Amino acid sequence: MLNYSDSDLPAKHIAIFYADKISNSITKEFFNGQKALASKEEALEVAKAFWEITNLASTDHLNNLSILDNVDVEFWMHKLFNKVYGYYEKNGFKEQWKIAEEKYS
């Protein structure tokens, strides 16, 4: 499961905010720290959703849309990327990450 320090909580809040927008319950549970990825299929689904979330966040940032009380979306998405990529690498899902990144980023 993803674990967040108190200083990382804005990344968690952004991830959940956008997971709600794309209506992906597995992704929301993963980002909320309630679910570990149990299969390559789940890992691919969440990685795909991460890139969807990134695209939504990027669009909001470029359109100067304020989300979650003006949190710096660009900064926290970079933090979230590092956290999620690290999870994938540590848990043997690097290939699923690479597939989703090449196809959806």
C-alpha atoms as a PDB file:
ATOM      1  CA  MET A   1       0.000   0.000   0.000  1.00  0.00           C
ATOM      2  CA  LEU A   2       1.047   3.571  -0.462  1.00  0.00           C
ATOM      3  CA  ASN A   3       2.061   5.239   2.747  1.00  0.00           C
ATOM      4  CA  TYR A   4       2.114   8.985   3.167  1.00  0.00           C
ATOM      5  CA  SER A   5       3.955  11.101   5.677  1.00  0.00           C
ATOM      6  CA  ASP A   6       2.161  14.147   7.028  1.00  0.00           C
ATOM      7  CA  SER A   7       4.200  16.300   4.664  1.00  0.00           C
ATOM      8  CA  ASP A   8       3.017  14.205   1.660  1.00  0.00           C
ATOM      9  CA  LEU A   9      -0.697  14.532   2.357  1.00  0.00           C
ATOM     10  CA  PRO A  10      -1.349  17.093  -0.401  1.00  0.00           C
ATOM     11  CA  ALA A  11      -0.199  14.474  -2.942  1.00  0.00           C
ATOM     12  CA  LYS A  12      -2.678  12.006  -1.474  1.00  0.00           C
ATOM     13  CA  HIS A  13      -5.508  14.535  -1.561  1.00  0.00           C
ATOM     14  CA  ILE A  14      -4.792  15.405  -5.199  1.00  0.00           C
ATOM     15  CA  ALA A  15      -4.678  11.724  -6.177  1.00  0.00           C
ATOM     16  CA  ILE A  16      -8.011  11.026  -4.505  1.00  0.00           C
ATOM     17  CA  PHE A  17      -9.569  14.191  -5.964  1.00  0.00           C
ATOM     18  CA  TYR A  18      -8.732  13.081  -9.504  1.00  0.00           C
ATOM     19  CA  ALA A  19      -9.462   9.379  -8.878  1.00  0.00           C
ATOM     20  CA  ASP A  20     -12.987  10.492  -7.971  1.00  0.00           C
ATOM     21  CA  LYS A  21     -13.177  12.431 -11.247  1.00  0.00           C
ATOM     22  CA  ILE A  22     -12.356   9.353 -13.307  1.00  0.00           C
ATOM     23  CA  SER A  23     -14.587   7.113 -11.146  1.00  0.00           C
ATOM     24  CA  ASN A  24     -11.987   4.419 -10.597  1.00  0.00           C
ATOM     25  CA  SER A  25     -12.523   2.724  -7.249  1.00  0.00           C
ATOM     26  CA  ILE A  26      -9.387   0.524  -7.325  1.00  0.00           C
ATOM     27  CA  THR A  27      -7.264   3.565  -8.043  1.00  0.00           C
ATOM     28  CA  LYS A  28      -8.939   5.542  -5.294  1.00  0.00           C
ATOM     29  CA  GLU A  29      -8.388   2.731  -2.765  1.00  0.00           C
ATOM     30  CA  PHE A  30      -4.748   2.432  -3.854  1.00  0.00           C
ATOM     31  CA  PHE A  31      -4.080   6.161  -3.578  1.00  0.00           C
ATOM     32  CA  ASN A  32      -5.943   6.296  -0.291  1.00  0.00           C
ATOM     33  CA  GLY A  33      -3.523   3.723   1.142  1.00  0.00           C
ATOM     34  CA  GLN A  34      -6.302   1.160   1.600  1.00  0.00           C
ATOM     35  CA  LYS A  35      -5.258  -1.333  -1.080  1.00  0.00           C
ATOM     36  CA  ALA A  36      -2.058  -2.987  -2.177  1.00  0.00           C
ATOM     37  CA  LEU A  37      -1.812  -3.998  -5.817  1.00  0.00           C
ATOM     38  CA  ALA A  38      -2.468  -7.724  -6.017  1.00  0.00           C
ATOM     39  CA  SER A  39      -1.838  -8.500  -9.682  1.00  0.00           C
ATOM     40  CA  LYS A  40      -0.234  -7.269 -12.882  1.00  0.00           C
ATOM     41  CA  GLU A  41      -3.712  -6.432 -14.168  1.00  0.00           C
ATOM     42  CA  GLU A  42      -4.465  -4.196 -11.190  1.00  0.00           C
ATOM     43  CA  ALA A  43      -1.041  -2.592 -11.501  1.00  0.00           C
ATOM     44  CA  LEU A  44      -1.673  -1.811 -15.160  1.00  0.00           C
ATOM     45  CA  GLU A  45      -5.135  -0.405 -14.399  1.00  0.00           C
ATOM     46  CA  VAL A  46      -3.814   1.889 -11.673  1.00  0.00           C
ATOM     47  CA  ALA A  47      -0.834   2.975 -13.787  1.00  0.00           C
ATOM     48  CA  LYS A  48      -3.197   3.826 -16.658  1.00  0.00           C
ATOM     49  CA  ALA A  49      -5.368   5.780 -14.225  1.00  0.00           C
ATOM     50  CA  PHE A  50      -2.306   7.613 -12.915  1.00  0.00           C
ATOM     51  CA  TRP A  51      -1.602   8.935 -16.415  1.00  0.00           C
ATOM     52  CA  GLU A  52      -5.257   9.907 -16.864  1.00  0.00           C
ATOM     53  CA  ILE A  53      -5.036  11.784 -13.564  1.00  0.00           C
ATOM     54  CA  THR A  54      -1.798  13.423 -14.671  1.00  0.00           C
ATOM     55  CA  ASN A  55      -3.445  14.628 -17.873  1.00  0.00           C
ATOM     56  CA  LEU A  56      -6.408  16.039 -15.951  1.00  0.00           C
ATOM     57  CA  ALA A  57      -4.127  17.767 -13.444  1.00  0.00           C
ATOM     58  CA  SER A  58      -1.992  19.180 -16.240  1.00  0.00           C
ATOM     59  CA  THR A  59      -5.052  20.564 -18.004  1.00  0.00           C
ATOM     60  CA  ASP A  60      -6.318  22.134 -14.791  1.00  0.00           C
ATOM     61  CA  HIS A  61      -2.903  23.647 -14.114  1.00  0.00           C
ATOM     62  CA  LEU A  62      -2.591  25.070 -17.644  1.00  0.00           C
ATOM     63  CA  ASN A  63      -6.093  26.542 -17.344  1.00  0.00           C
ATOM     64  CA  ASN A  64      -5.226  28.092 -13.965  1.00  0.00           C
ATOM     65  CA  LEU A  65      -8.012  26.182 -12.250  1.00  0.00           C
ATOM     66  CA  SER A  66      -7.788  26.191  -8.492  1.00  0.00           C
ATOM     67  CA  ILE A  67      -8.267  22.852  -6.784  1.00  0.00           C
ATOM     68  CA  LEU A  68      -8.132  21.905  -3.122  1.00  0.00           C
ATOM     69  CA  ASP A  69      -7.629  25.432  -1.801  1.00  0.00           C
ATOM     70  CA  ASN A  70      -5.006  26.459  -4.352  1.00  0.00           C
ATOM     71  CA  VAL A  71      -2.600  23.588  -3.745  1.00  0.00           C
ATOM     72  CA  ASP A  72       0.365  23.595  -6.170  1.00  0.00           C
ATOM     73  CA  VAL A  73      -0.832  20.788  -8.431  1.00  0.00           C
ATOM     74  CA  GLU A  74       2.301  20.645 -10.557  1.00  0.00           C
ATOM     75  CA  PHE A  75       4.605  20.299  -7.533  1.00  0.00           C
ATOM     76  CA  TRP A  76       2.462  17.656  -5.833  1.00  0.00           C
ATOM     77  CA  MET A  77       1.952  15.626  -9.009  1.00  0.00           C
ATOM     78  CA  HIS A  78       5.737  15.353  -9.280  1.00  0.00           C
ATOM     79  CA  LYS A  79       5.825  14.114  -5.685  1.00  0.00           C
ATOM     80  CA  LEU A  80       3.011  11.667  -6.417  1.00  0.00           C
ATOM     81  CA  PHE A  81       4.828  10.383  -9.503  1.00  0.00           C
ATOM     82  CA  ASN A  82       7.935   9.635  -7.441  1.00  0.00           C
ATOM     83  CA  LYS A  83       5.910   7.904  -4.740  1.00  0.00           C
ATOM     84  CA  VAL A  84       3.891   5.744  -7.143  1.00  0.00           C
ATOM     85  CA  TYR A  85       6.856   4.883  -9.362  1.00  0.00           C
ATOM     86  CA  GLY A  86       8.826   3.871  -6.287  1.00  0.00           C
ATOM     87  CA  TYR A  87       5.964   1.628  -5.173  1.00  0.00           C
ATOM     88  CA  TYR A  88       5.821  -0.054  -8.580  1.00  0.00           C
ATOM     89  CA  GLU A  89       9.558  -0.585  -8.680  1.00  0.00           C
ATOM     90  CA  LYS A  90       9.701  -1.941  -5.126  1.00  0.00           C
ATOM     91  CA  ASN A  91       6.756  -4.311  -5.634  1.00  0.00           C
ATOM     92  CA  GLY A  92       7.721  -5.837  -8.985  1.00  0.00           C
ATOM     93  CA  PHE A  93       5.365  -3.889 -11.248  1.00  0.00           C
ATOM     94  CA  LYS A  94       7.948  -1.844 -13.149  1.00  0.00           C
ATOM     95  CA  GLU A  95       6.967  -3.455 -16.465  1.00  0.00           C
ATOM     96  CA  GLN A  96       3.291  -2.520 -15.990  1.00  0.00           C
ATOM     97  CA  TRP A  97       4.343   1.042 -15.209  1.00  0.00           C
ATOM     98  CA  LYS A  98       6.451   1.195 -18.356  1.00  0.00           C
ATOM     99  CA  ILE A  99       3.620  -0.178 -20.517  1.00  0.00           C
ATOM    100  CA  ALA A 100       1.127   2.369 -19.178  1.00  0.00           C
ATOM    101  CA  GLU A 101       3.623   5.210 -19.444  1.00  0.00           C
ATOM    102  CA  GLU A 102       4.397   4.431 -23.082  1.00  0.00           C
ATOM    103  CA  LYS A 103       0.751   3.991 -24.007  1.00  0.00           C
ATOM    104  CA  TYR A 104      -1.021   6.672 -21.943  1.00  0.00           C
ATOM    105  CA  SER A 105       1.408   9.432 -20.964  1.00  0.00           C
END
